[in-house]
């Protein structure tokens, strides 16, 4: 959904997207939706990271490998 909204607002011509051009109000509305979606995703990533740091969630990656790369 997020990538298709970005493609539509940038007027990219792709087969699976609607063919009509959006007016300025629709582009602005989609832009705000994209910003809100990105904000929610960022908050979700931060909460998961915090849960992992505190110990409430298990890491899915190898921590030894992570420490070697840092």
PDB file of N, CA and C in Angstrom:
ATOM      1  N   UNK A   1       0.824  -1.192   0.000  1.00  0.00           N
ATOM      2  CA  UNK A   1       0.000   0.000   0.000  1.00  0.00           C
ATOM      3  C   UNK A   1       0.866   1.253   0.000  1.00  0.00           C
ATOM      4  N   UNK A   2       1.884   1.250   0.826  1.00  0.00           N
ATOM      5  CA  UNK A   2       2.731   2.436   0.929  1.00  0.00           C
ATOM      6  C   UNK A   2       3.457   2.714  -0.384  1.00  0.00           C
ATOM      7  N   UNK A   3       4.025   1.695  -0.988  1.00  0.00           N
ATOM      8  CA  UNK A   3       4.760   1.921  -2.235  1.00  0.00           C
ATOM      9  C   UNK A   3       3.829   2.313  -3.373  1.00  0.00           C
ATOM     10  N   UNK A   4       2.622   1.738  -3.407  1.00  0.00           N
ATOM     11  CA  UNK A   4       1.696   2.116  -4.475  1.00  0.00           C
ATOM     12  C   UNK A   4       1.219   3.553  -4.300  1.00  0.00           C
ATOM     13  N   UNK A   5       1.009   3.993  -3.055  1.00  0.00           N
ATOM     14  CA  UNK A   5       0.641   5.394  -2.833  1.00  0.00           C
ATOM     15  C   UNK A   5       1.756   6.326  -3.284  1.00  0.00           C
ATOM     16  N   UNK A   6       2.993   5.964  -2.972  1.00  0.00           N
ATOM     17  CA  UNK A   6       4.115   6.797  -3.398  1.00  0.00           C
ATOM     18  C   UNK A   6       4.213   6.846  -4.917  1.00  0.00           C
ATOM     19  N   UNK A   7       3.992   5.712  -5.587  1.00  0.00           N
ATOM     20  CA  UNK A   7       4.048   5.678  -7.045  1.00  0.00           C
ATOM     21  C   UNK A   7       2.946   6.527  -7.667  1.00  0.00           C
ATOM     22  N   UNK A   8       1.752   6.478  -7.084  1.00  0.00           N
ATOM     23  CA  UNK A   8       0.641   7.256  -7.624  1.00  0.00           C
ATOM     24  C   UNK A   8       0.901   8.748  -7.445  1.00  0.00           C
ATOM     25  N   UNK A   9       1.386   9.151  -6.277  1.00  0.00           N
ATOM     26  CA  UNK A   9       1.622  10.582  -6.047  1.00  0.00           C
ATOM     27  C   UNK A   9       2.746  11.125  -6.919  1.00  0.00           C
ATOM     28  N   UNK A  10       3.670  10.273  -7.325  1.00  0.00           N
ATOM     29  CA  UNK A  10       4.762  10.711  -8.200  1.00  0.00           C
ATOM     30  C   UNK A  10       4.407  10.572  -9.675  1.00  0.00           C
ATOM     31  N   UNK A  11       3.156  10.152  -9.970  1.00  0.00           N
ATOM     32  CA  UNK A  11       2.648   9.988 -11.334  1.00  0.00           C
ATOM     33  C   UNK A  11       3.481   9.001 -12.149  1.00  0.00           C
ATOM     34  N   UNK A  12       3.910   7.935 -11.511  1.00  0.00           N
ATOM     35  CA  UNK A  12       4.651   6.884 -12.204  1.00  0.00           C
ATOM     36  C   UNK A  12       3.645   6.012 -12.948  1.00  0.00           C
ATOM     37  N   UNK A  13       3.919   5.719 -14.210  1.00  0.00           N
ATOM     38  CA  UNK A  13       2.995   4.946 -15.038  1.00  0.00           C
ATOM     39  C   UNK A  13       3.350   3.462 -14.952  1.00  0.00           C
ATOM     40  N   UNK A  14       2.570   2.722 -14.157  1.00  0.00           N
ATOM     41  CA  UNK A  14       2.743   1.285 -13.997  1.00  0.00           C
ATOM     42  C   UNK A  14       1.399   0.633 -14.288  1.00  0.00           C
ATOM     43  N   UNK A  15       1.410  -0.557 -14.857  1.00  0.00           N
ATOM     44  CA  UNK A  15       0.184  -1.200 -15.319  1.00  0.00           C
ATOM     45  C   UNK A  15      -0.846  -1.406 -14.220  1.00  0.00           C
ATOM     46  N   UNK A  16      -0.434  -1.783 -13.025  1.00  0.00           N
ATOM     47  CA  UNK A  16      -1.384  -2.130 -11.982  1.00  0.00           C
ATOM     48  C   UNK A  16      -1.943  -0.913 -11.246  1.00  0.00           C
ATOM     49  N   UNK A  17      -1.452   0.281 -11.538  1.00  0.00           N
ATOM     50  CA  UNK A  17      -1.947   1.487 -10.883  1.00  0.00           C
ATOM     51  C   UNK A  17      -3.069   2.117 -11.700  1.00  0.00           C
ATOM     52  N   UNK A  18      -3.940   2.883 -11.051  1.00  0.00           N
ATOM     53  CA  UNK A  18      -4.993   3.576 -11.796  1.00  0.00           C
ATOM     54  C   UNK A  18      -4.390   4.556 -12.802  1.00  0.00           C
ATOM     55  N   UNK A  19      -5.071   4.739 -13.930  1.00  0.00           N
ATOM     56  CA  UNK A  19      -4.514   5.541 -15.020  1.00  0.00           C
ATOM     57  C   UNK A  19      -4.813   7.033 -14.902  1.00  0.00           C
ATOM     58  N   UNK A  20      -5.825   7.407 -14.139  1.00  0.00           N
ATOM     59  CA  UNK A  20      -6.158   8.836 -14.088  1.00  0.00           C
ATOM     60  C   UNK A  20      -5.185   9.576 -13.176  1.00  0.00           C
ATOM     61  N   UNK A  21      -4.976  10.845 -13.491  1.00  0.00           N
ATOM     62  CA  UNK A  21      -4.071  11.673 -12.685  1.00  0.00           C
ATOM     63  C   UNK A  21      -4.820  12.194 -11.473  1.00  0.00           C
ATOM     64  N   UNK A  22      -4.132  12.317 -10.375  1.00  0.00           N
ATOM     65  CA  UNK A  22      -4.736  12.807  -9.142  1.00  0.00           C
ATOM     66  C   UNK A  22      -4.638  14.325  -9.091  1.00  0.00           C
ATOM     67  N   UNK A  23      -5.629  14.942  -8.476  1.00  0.00           N
ATOM     68  CA  UNK A  23      -5.573  16.395  -8.285  1.00  0.00           C
ATOM     69  C   UNK A  23      -4.641  16.697  -7.105  1.00  0.00           C
ATOM     70  N   UNK A  24      -4.385  17.972  -6.897  1.00  0.00           N
ATOM     71  CA  UNK A  24      -3.439  18.383  -5.851  1.00  0.00           C
ATOM     72  C   UNK A  24      -3.926  17.979  -4.464  1.00  0.00           C
ATOM     73  N   UNK A  25      -5.229  18.061  -4.227  1.00  0.00           N
ATOM     74  CA  UNK A  25      -5.774  17.698  -2.920  1.00  0.00           C
ATOM     75  C   UNK A  25      -5.576  16.209  -2.630  1.00  0.00           C
ATOM     76  N   UNK A  26      -5.795  15.365  -3.643  1.00  0.00           N
ATOM     77  CA  UNK A  26      -5.591  13.923  -3.456  1.00  0.00           C
ATOM     78  C   UNK A  26      -4.124  13.607  -3.217  1.00  0.00           C
ATOM     79  N   UNK A  27      -3.233  14.295  -3.937  1.00  0.00           N
ATOM     80  CA  UNK A  27      -1.797  14.088  -3.725  1.00  0.00           C
ATOM     81  C   UNK A  27      -1.386  14.496  -2.320  1.00  0.00           C
ATOM     82  N   UNK A  28      -1.922  15.614  -1.845  1.00  0.00           N
ATOM     83  CA  UNK A  28      -1.594  16.085  -0.502  1.00  0.00           C
ATOM     84  C   UNK A  28      -2.107  15.106   0.546  1.00  0.00           C
ATOM     85  N   UNK A  29      -3.331  14.608   0.341  1.00  0.00           N
ATOM     86  CA  UNK A  29      -3.914  13.645   1.278  1.00  0.00           C
ATOM     87  C   UNK A  29      -3.082  12.363   1.313  1.00  0.00           C
ATOM     88  N   UNK A  30      -2.671  11.881   0.153  1.00  0.00           N
ATOM     89  CA  UNK A  30      -1.848  10.673   0.091  1.00  0.00           C
ATOM     90  C   UNK A  30      -0.490  10.911   0.747  1.00  0.00           C
ATOM     91  N   UNK A  31       0.064  12.111   0.560  1.00  0.00           N
ATOM     92  CA  UNK A  31       1.353  12.440   1.175  1.00  0.00           C
ATOM     93  C   UNK A  31       1.257  12.373   2.698  1.00  0.00           C
ATOM     94  N   UNK A  32       0.176  12.912   3.260  1.00  0.00           N
ATOM     95  CA  UNK A  32      -0.003  12.852   4.713  1.00  0.00           C
ATOM     96  C   UNK A  32      -0.227  11.419   5.187  1.00  0.00           C
ATOM     97  N   UNK A  33      -0.924  10.622   4.387  1.00  0.00           N
ATOM     98  CA  UNK A  33      -1.113   9.214   4.744  1.00  0.00           C
ATOM     99  C   UNK A  33       0.225   8.491   4.775  1.00  0.00           C
ATOM    100  N   UNK A  34       1.073   8.756   3.793  1.00  0.00           N
ATOM    101  CA  UNK A  34       2.396   8.133   3.735  1.00  0.00           C
ATOM    102  C   UNK A  34       3.221   8.528   4.959  1.00  0.00           C
ATOM    103  N   UNK A  35       3.168   9.813   5.332  1.00  0.00           N
ATOM    104  CA  UNK A  35       3.900  10.260   6.513  1.00  0.00           C
ATOM    105  C   UNK A  35       3.395   9.575   7.774  1.00  0.00           C
ATOM    106  N   UNK A  36       2.073   9.423   7.910  1.00  0.00           N
ATOM    107  CA  UNK A  36       1.515   8.762   9.091  1.00  0.00           C
ATOM    108  C   UNK A  36       1.888   7.287   9.140  1.00  0.00           C
ATOM    109  N   UNK A  37       1.855   6.618   7.988  1.00  0.00           N
ATOM    110  CA  UNK A  37       2.228   5.203   7.939  1.00  0.00           C
ATOM    111  C   UNK A  37       3.691   5.041   8.333  1.00  0.00           C
ATOM    112  N   UNK A  38       4.559   5.897   7.795  1.00  0.00           N
ATOM    113  CA  UNK A  38       5.984   5.825   8.150  1.00  0.00           C
ATOM    114  C   UNK A  38       6.203   6.092   9.629  1.00  0.00           C
ATOM    115  N   UNK A  39       5.439   7.015  10.194  1.00  0.00           N
ATOM    116  CA  UNK A  39       5.554   7.314  11.618  1.00  0.00           C
ATOM    117  C   UNK A  39       5.151   6.106  12.460  1.00  0.00           C
ATOM    118  N   UNK A  40       4.046   5.447  12.089  1.00  0.00           N
ATOM    119  CA  UNK A  40       3.605   4.265  12.828  1.00  0.00           C
ATOM    120  C   UNK A  40       4.617   3.130  12.725  1.00  0.00           C
ATOM    121  N   UNK A  41       5.179   2.939  11.530  1.00  0.00           N
ATOM    122  CA  UNK A  41       6.180   1.887  11.358  1.00  0.00           C
ATOM    123  C   UNK A  41       7.432   2.181  12.180  1.00  0.00           C
ATOM    124  N   UNK A  42       7.825   3.454  12.236  1.00  0.00           N
ATOM    125  CA  UNK A  42       8.991   3.828  13.038  1.00  0.00           C
ATOM    126  C   UNK A  42       8.740   3.563  14.514  1.00  0.00           C
ATOM    127  N   UNK A  43       7.545   3.918  15.003  1.00  0.00           N
ATOM    128  CA  UNK A  43       7.212   3.663  16.405  1.00  0.00           C
ATOM    129  C   UNK A  43       7.208   2.173  16.701  1.00  0.00           C
ATOM    130  N   UNK A  44       6.693   1.372  15.777  1.00  0.00           N
ATOM    131  CA  UNK A  44       6.662  -0.078  15.967  1.00  0.00           C
ATOM    132  C   UNK A  44       8.077  -0.642  16.039  1.00  0.00           C
ATOM    133  N   UNK A  45       8.969  -0.159  15.147  1.00  0.00           N
ATOM    134  CA  UNK A  45      10.361  -0.618  15.180  1.00  0.00           C
ATOM    135  C   UNK A  45      11.037  -0.223  16.487  1.00  0.00           C
ATOM    136  N   UNK A  46      10.767   0.995  16.953  1.00  0.00           N
ATOM    137  CA  UNK A  46      11.372   1.449  18.204  1.00  0.00           C
ATOM    138  C   UNK A  46      10.881   0.624  19.386  1.00  0.00           C
ATOM    139  N   UNK A  47       9.596   0.307  19.435  1.00  0.00           N
ATOM    140  CA  UNK A  47       9.055  -0.485  20.538  1.00  0.00           C
ATOM    141  C   UNK A  47       9.631  -1.897  20.524  1.00  0.00           C
ATOM    142  N   UNK A  48       9.752  -2.495  19.342  1.00  0.00           N
ATOM    143  CA  UNK A  48      10.345  -3.833  19.266  1.00  0.00           C
ATOM    144  C   UNK A  48      11.794  -3.807  19.714  1.00  0.00           C
ATOM    145  N   UNK A  49      12.517  -2.776  19.310  1.00  0.00           N
ATOM    146  CA  UNK A  49      13.910  -2.661  19.719  1.00  0.00           C
ATOM    147  C   UNK A  49      14.014  -2.494  21.230  1.00  0.00           C
ATOM    148  N   UNK A  50      13.130  -1.694  21.800  1.00  0.00           N
ATOM    149  CA  UNK A  50      13.126  -1.487  23.243  1.00  0.00           C
ATOM    150  C   UNK A  50      12.776  -2.773  23.978  1.00  0.00           C
ATOM    151  N   UNK A  51      11.807  -3.530  23.453  1.00  0.00           N
ATOM    152  CA  UNK A  51      11.448  -4.808  24.075  1.00  0.00           C
ATOM    153  C   UNK A  51      12.615  -5.777  24.031  1.00  0.00           C
ATOM    154  N   UNK A  52      13.337  -5.783  22.921  1.00  0.00           N
ATOM    155  CA  UNK A  52      14.505  -6.655  22.823  1.00  0.00           C
ATOM    156  C   UNK A  52      15.575  -6.225  23.815  1.00  0.00           C
ATOM    157  N   UNK A  53      15.766  -4.921  23.962  1.00  0.00           N
ATOM    158  CA  UNK A  53      16.784  -4.403  24.869  1.00  0.00           C
ATOM    159  C   UNK A  53      16.452  -4.743  26.315  1.00  0.00           C
ATOM    160  N   UNK A  54      15.196  -4.615  26.687  1.00  0.00           N
ATOM    161  CA  UNK A  54      14.774  -4.889  28.058  1.00  0.00           C
ATOM    162  C   UNK A  54      14.760  -6.388  28.322  1.00  0.00           C
ATOM    163  N   UNK A  55      14.495  -7.183  27.306  1.00  0.00           N
ATOM    164  CA  UNK A  55      14.515  -8.629  27.465  1.00  0.00           C
ATOM    165  C   UNK A  55      13.171  -9.286  27.291  1.00  0.00           C
ATOM    166  N   UNK A  56      12.191  -8.543  26.846  1.00  0.00           N
ATOM    167  CA  UNK A  56      10.863  -9.112  26.673  1.00  0.00           C
ATOM    168  C   UNK A  56      10.681  -9.851  25.366  1.00  0.00           C
ATOM    169  N   UNK A  57      11.566  -9.662  24.417  1.00  0.00           N
ATOM    170  CA  UNK A  57      11.441 -10.307  23.116  1.00  0.00           C
ATOM    171  C   UNK A  57      12.780 -10.944  22.763  1.00  0.00           C
ATOM    172  N   UNK A  58      12.733 -12.125  22.182  1.00  0.00           N
ATOM    173  CA  UNK A  58      13.952 -12.829  21.817  1.00  0.00           C
ATOM    174  C   UNK A  58      14.502 -12.287  20.507  1.00  0.00           C
ATOM    175  N   UNK A  59      15.814 -12.261  20.417  1.00  0.00           N
ATOM    176  CA  UNK A  59      16.462 -11.863  19.175  1.00  0.00           C
ATOM    177  C   UNK A  59      16.364 -12.997  18.175  1.00  0.00           C
ATOM    178  N   UNK A  60      16.101 -12.638  16.920  1.00  0.00           N
ATOM    179  CA  UNK A  60      16.022 -13.644  15.864  1.00  0.00           C
ATOM    180  C   UNK A  60      17.357 -13.791  15.143  1.00  0.00           C
ATOM    181  N   UNK A  61      18.304 -12.912  15.433  1.00  0.00           N
ATOM    182  CA  UNK A  61      19.597 -12.965  14.763  1.00  0.00           C
ATOM    183  C   UNK A  61      20.667 -13.436  15.734  1.00  0.00           C
ATOM    184  N   UNK A  62      21.811 -13.769  15.196  1.00  0.00           N
ATOM    185  CA  UNK A  62      22.939 -14.218  15.997  1.00  0.00           C
ATOM    186  C   UNK A  62      23.650 -12.998  16.581  1.00  0.00           C
ATOM    187  N   UNK A  63      23.663 -12.876  17.909  1.00  0.00           N
ATOM    188  CA  UNK A  63      24.253 -11.701  18.544  1.00  0.00           C
ATOM    189  C   UNK A  63      25.767 -11.666  18.395  1.00  0.00           C
ATOM    190  N   UNK A  64      26.403 -12.824  18.331  1.00  0.00           N
ATOM    191  CA  UNK A  64      27.848 -12.850  18.123  1.00  0.00           C
ATOM    192  C   UNK A  64      28.222 -12.250  16.784  1.00  0.00           C
ATOM    193  N   UNK A  65      27.463 -12.577  15.770  1.00  0.00           N
ATOM    194  CA  UNK A  65      27.701 -12.012  14.449  1.00  0.00           C
ATOM    195  C   UNK A  65      27.434 -10.508  14.459  1.00  0.00           C
ATOM    196  N   UNK A  66      26.410 -10.099  15.174  1.00  0.00           N
ATOM    197  CA  UNK A  66      26.081  -8.679  15.271  1.00  0.00           C
ATOM    198  C   UNK A  66      27.213  -7.906  15.946  1.00  0.00           C
ATOM    199  N   UNK A  67      27.793  -8.448  17.007  1.00  0.00           N
ATOM    200  CA  UNK A  67      28.871  -7.757  17.706  1.00  0.00           C
ATOM    201  C   UNK A  67      30.134  -7.694  16.865  1.00  0.00           C
ATOM    202  N   UNK A  68      30.372  -8.709  16.051  1.00  0.00           N
ATOM    203  CA  UNK A  68      31.554  -8.685  15.192  1.00  0.00           C
ATOM    204  C   UNK A  68      31.431  -7.625  14.109  1.00  0.00           C
ATOM    205  N   UNK A  69      30.218  -7.377  13.637  1.00  0.00           N
ATOM    206  CA  UNK A  69      30.042  -6.381  12.583  1.00  0.00           C
ATOM    207  C   UNK A  69      30.080  -4.965  13.127  1.00  0.00           C
ATOM    208  N   UNK A  70      29.799  -4.801  14.411  1.00  0.00           N
ATOM    209  CA  UNK A  70      29.832  -3.458  15.017  1.00  0.00           C
ATOM    210  C   UNK A  70      31.232  -3.165  15.396  1.00  0.00           C
TER     211      UNK A  70
END
